[in-house]
Amino acid sequence: SADWMTRNLDYRVEVGVPIYDEDVKQELLDTFDISWRDNMKARVFSEKQDNAYRKNNNPKVRSQFATYDYYLNKLNS
């Protein structure tokens, strides 16, 4: 789950932990950055609660594929 809403906490456990290893920390930050750049299926949550798709003129980034490529590159390097 990507959030800590009550409905998500009723049937599973969410855990938050500190990350001390700098390599792991960087890997997580890289993964978050990939997710934030997603502009294929990303939605913007606004005060209007319209949850509109994020649209821009940047090259298309689909985070699922970009994350796969990121880890594939790490394995092959």
N, C-alpha and C. Protein backbone atom coordinates (compact mmCIF):
# COMPACT_ATOMS: atom_id res chain seq x y z
N SER A 1 0.83 -1.18 0.00
CA SER A 1 0.00 0.00 0.00
C SER A 1 0.88 1.24 0.00
N ALA A 2 0.41 2.28 -0.65
CA ALA A 2 1.19 3.51 -0.73
C ALA A 2 0.76 4.52 0.33
N ASP A 3 -0.15 4.17 1.18
CA ASP A 3 -0.62 5.13 2.17
C ASP A 3 -0.96 4.42 3.48
N TRP A 4 -1.13 5.21 4.50
CA TRP A 4 -1.42 4.68 5.82
C TRP A 4 -2.87 5.00 6.21
N MET A 5 -3.80 4.76 5.32
CA MET A 5 -5.21 5.04 5.60
C MET A 5 -5.79 3.91 6.45
N THR A 6 -6.82 4.23 7.21
CA THR A 6 -7.45 3.25 8.09
C THR A 6 -7.85 2.00 7.33
N ARG A 7 -8.44 2.16 6.14
CA ARG A 7 -8.89 1.00 5.39
C ARG A 7 -7.74 0.06 5.03
N ASN A 8 -6.53 0.61 4.90
CA ASN A 8 -5.38 -0.22 4.58
C ASN A 8 -4.76 -0.84 5.82
N LEU A 9 -5.03 -0.28 6.97
CA LEU A 9 -4.47 -0.81 8.20
C LEU A 9 -5.35 -1.86 8.85
N ASP A 10 -6.60 -1.98 8.40
CA ASP A 10 -7.52 -2.93 9.01
C ASP A 10 -7.15 -4.38 8.75
N TYR A 11 -6.57 -4.67 7.60
CA TYR A 11 -6.35 -6.06 7.21
C TYR A 11 -4.89 -6.40 6.92
N ARG A 12 -3.99 -5.50 7.17
CA ARG A 12 -2.57 -5.79 6.98
C ARG A 12 -1.75 -4.89 7.89
N VAL A 13 -0.48 -5.15 7.94
CA VAL A 13 0.41 -4.40 8.82
C VAL A 13 1.30 -3.50 7.98
N GLU A 14 1.37 -2.23 8.34
CA GLU A 14 2.27 -1.27 7.71
C GLU A 14 3.41 -1.03 8.70
N VAL A 15 4.64 -1.04 8.21
CA VAL A 15 5.79 -0.88 9.08
C VAL A 15 6.68 0.23 8.54
N GLY A 16 7.11 1.10 9.41
CA GLY A 16 8.08 2.13 9.05
C GLY A 16 9.35 1.89 9.86
N VAL A 17 10.49 1.91 9.21
CA VAL A 17 11.75 1.65 9.90
C VAL A 17 12.81 2.64 9.41
N PRO A 18 13.79 2.95 10.26
CA PRO A 18 14.90 3.79 9.80
C PRO A 18 15.81 2.99 8.87
N ILE A 19 16.41 3.67 7.92
CA ILE A 19 17.36 3.04 6.99
C ILE A 19 18.74 3.61 7.31
N TYR A 20 19.63 2.78 7.80
CA TYR A 20 20.96 3.22 8.19
C TYR A 20 22.01 3.01 7.10
N ASP A 21 21.86 1.99 6.29
CA ASP A 21 22.83 1.69 5.24
C ASP A 21 22.70 2.72 4.12
N GLU A 22 23.78 3.43 3.84
CA GLU A 22 23.74 4.51 2.85
C GLU A 22 23.44 4.01 1.44
N ASP A 23 23.92 2.83 1.08
CA ASP A 23 23.64 2.27 -0.25
C ASP A 23 22.16 1.94 -0.39
N VAL A 24 21.59 1.35 0.64
CA VAL A 24 20.16 1.02 0.62
C VAL A 24 19.34 2.30 0.60
N LYS A 25 19.76 3.28 1.38
CA LYS A 25 19.06 4.57 1.42
C LYS A 25 19.04 5.21 0.03
N GLN A 26 20.18 5.20 -0.67
CA GLN A 26 20.24 5.78 -2.01
C GLN A 26 19.37 5.01 -2.98
N GLU A 27 19.36 3.69 -2.86
CA GLU A 27 18.52 2.86 -3.73
C GLU A 27 17.05 3.19 -3.54
N LEU A 28 16.64 3.37 -2.30
CA LEU A 28 15.25 3.74 -2.02
C LEU A 28 14.93 5.12 -2.59
N LEU A 29 15.83 6.07 -2.40
CA LEU A 29 15.61 7.41 -2.94
C LEU A 29 15.52 7.39 -4.46
N ASP A 30 16.37 6.58 -5.11
CA ASP A 30 16.31 6.44 -6.57
C ASP A 30 14.96 5.88 -7.00
N THR A 31 14.49 4.87 -6.26
CA THR A 31 13.21 4.25 -6.59
C THR A 31 12.06 5.23 -6.40
N PHE A 32 12.10 6.02 -5.33
CA PHE A 32 11.07 7.04 -5.12
C PHE A 32 11.10 8.06 -6.25
N ASP A 33 12.30 8.47 -6.65
CA ASP A 33 12.44 9.45 -7.72
C ASP A 33 11.83 8.93 -9.02
N ILE A 34 12.06 7.67 -9.32
CA ILE A 34 11.46 7.07 -10.52
C ILE A 34 9.94 7.14 -10.42
N SER A 35 9.39 6.81 -9.27
CA SER A 35 7.94 6.84 -9.10
C SER A 35 7.38 8.24 -9.26
N TRP A 36 8.09 9.24 -8.73
CA TRP A 36 7.61 10.62 -8.83
C TRP A 36 7.67 11.16 -10.24
N ARG A 37 8.54 10.60 -11.09
CA ARG A 37 8.64 11.06 -12.47
C ARG A 37 7.58 10.42 -13.37
N ASP A 38 6.87 9.42 -12.86
CA ASP A 38 5.84 8.73 -13.66
C ASP A 38 4.84 9.75 -14.17
N ASN A 39 4.61 9.73 -15.48
CA ASN A 39 3.60 10.64 -16.05
C ASN A 39 2.66 9.89 -16.99
N MET A 40 2.61 8.58 -16.86
CA MET A 40 1.72 7.78 -17.70
C MET A 40 0.37 7.56 -17.02
N LYS A 41 0.41 7.13 -15.78
CA LYS A 41 -0.83 6.84 -15.07
C LYS A 41 -0.92 7.62 -13.77
N ALA A 42 -0.03 8.59 -13.62
CA ALA A 42 0.01 9.36 -12.38
C ALA A 42 -1.18 10.31 -12.30
N ARG A 43 -1.67 10.48 -11.10
CA ARG A 43 -2.76 11.41 -10.85
C ARG A 43 -2.29 12.47 -9.87
N VAL A 44 -2.87 13.65 -9.98
CA VAL A 44 -2.56 14.75 -9.09
C VAL A 44 -3.71 14.88 -8.10
N PHE A 45 -3.39 14.79 -6.82
CA PHE A 45 -4.41 14.99 -5.80
C PHE A 45 -4.45 16.47 -5.45
N SER A 46 -5.59 17.08 -5.67
CA SER A 46 -5.72 18.52 -5.44
C SER A 46 -6.81 18.79 -4.42
N GLU A 47 -6.93 20.04 -4.05
CA GLU A 47 -7.99 20.44 -3.12
C GLU A 47 -9.37 20.21 -3.73
N LYS A 48 -9.45 20.23 -5.06
CA LYS A 48 -10.73 19.99 -5.74
C LYS A 48 -11.14 18.52 -5.68
N GLN A 49 -10.21 17.65 -5.32
CA GLN A 49 -10.42 16.21 -5.26
C GLN A 49 -10.88 15.65 -6.60
N ASP A 50 -10.36 16.22 -7.70
CA ASP A 50 -10.74 15.71 -9.02
C ASP A 50 -9.80 14.60 -9.50
N ASN A 51 -8.66 14.43 -8.82
CA ASN A 51 -7.71 13.35 -9.13
C ASN A 51 -7.39 13.27 -10.62
N ALA A 52 -7.09 14.39 -11.21
CA ALA A 52 -6.81 14.45 -12.65
C ALA A 52 -5.49 13.77 -12.96
N TYR A 53 -5.41 13.19 -14.16
CA TYR A 53 -4.16 12.62 -14.62
C TYR A 53 -3.12 13.72 -14.77
N ARG A 54 -1.87 13.41 -14.45
CA ARG A 54 -0.78 14.36 -14.64
C ARG A 54 -0.43 14.38 -16.12
N LYS A 55 -0.50 15.55 -16.72
CA LYS A 55 -0.17 15.69 -18.14
C LYS A 55 0.93 16.73 -18.28
N ASN A 56 1.91 16.41 -19.11
CA ASN A 56 2.96 17.37 -19.41
C ASN A 56 3.61 16.99 -20.73
N ASN A 57 4.54 17.80 -21.17
CA ASN A 57 5.21 17.57 -22.45
C ASN A 57 6.54 16.84 -22.30
N ASN A 58 6.85 16.39 -21.12
CA ASN A 58 8.10 15.66 -20.89
C ASN A 58 8.04 14.28 -21.54
N PRO A 59 9.20 13.68 -21.77
CA PRO A 59 9.18 12.30 -22.30
C PRO A 59 8.40 11.39 -21.36
N LYS A 60 7.68 10.45 -21.93
CA LYS A 60 6.84 9.56 -21.12
C LYS A 60 7.69 8.67 -20.23
N VAL A 61 7.28 8.58 -18.96
CA VAL A 61 7.94 7.72 -17.99
C VAL A 61 6.87 6.86 -17.35
N ARG A 62 6.99 5.56 -17.49
CA ARG A 62 6.11 4.63 -16.80
C ARG A 62 6.94 3.97 -15.71
N SER A 63 6.63 4.28 -14.46
CA SER A 63 7.50 3.90 -13.35
C SER A 63 7.72 2.40 -13.23
N GLN A 64 6.71 1.60 -13.59
CA GLN A 64 6.90 0.15 -13.50
C GLN A 64 8.05 -0.30 -14.39
N PHE A 65 8.09 0.19 -15.61
CA PHE A 65 9.15 -0.18 -16.55
C PHE A 65 10.48 0.46 -16.16
N ALA A 66 10.43 1.72 -15.73
CA ALA A 66 11.65 2.42 -15.35
C ALA A 66 12.29 1.78 -14.12
N THR A 67 11.48 1.32 -13.18
CA THR A 67 12.01 0.64 -12.00
C THR A 67 12.65 -0.68 -12.38
N TYR A 68 12.00 -1.41 -13.27
CA TYR A 68 12.56 -2.67 -13.76
C TYR A 68 13.92 -2.41 -14.42
N ASP A 69 13.99 -1.41 -15.27
CA ASP A 69 15.25 -1.07 -15.95
C ASP A 69 16.33 -0.66 -14.94
N TYR A 70 15.94 0.08 -13.92
CA TYR A 70 16.88 0.52 -12.89
C TYR A 70 17.54 -0.68 -12.22
N TYR A 71 16.71 -1.65 -11.79
CA TYR A 71 17.27 -2.81 -11.10
C TYR A 71 18.00 -3.75 -12.05
N LEU A 72 17.57 -3.84 -13.28
CA LEU A 72 18.28 -4.64 -14.27
C LEU A 72 19.68 -4.06 -14.49
N ASN A 73 19.77 -2.74 -14.59
CA ASN A 73 21.08 -2.09 -14.74
C ASN A 73 21.97 -2.31 -13.53
N LYS A 74 21.37 -2.29 -12.33
CA LYS A 74 22.16 -2.56 -11.12
C LYS A 74 22.70 -3.98 -11.12
N LEU A 75 21.90 -4.93 -11.58
CA LEU A 75 22.35 -6.33 -11.63
C LEU A 75 23.47 -6.52 -12.64
N ASN A 76 23.41 -5.80 -13.74
CA ASN A 76 24.38 -5.98 -14.82
C ASN A 76 25.62 -5.10 -14.69
N SER A 77 25.67 -4.27 -13.67
CA SER A 77 26.84 -3.38 -13.54
C SER A 77 27.85 -3.92 -12.55
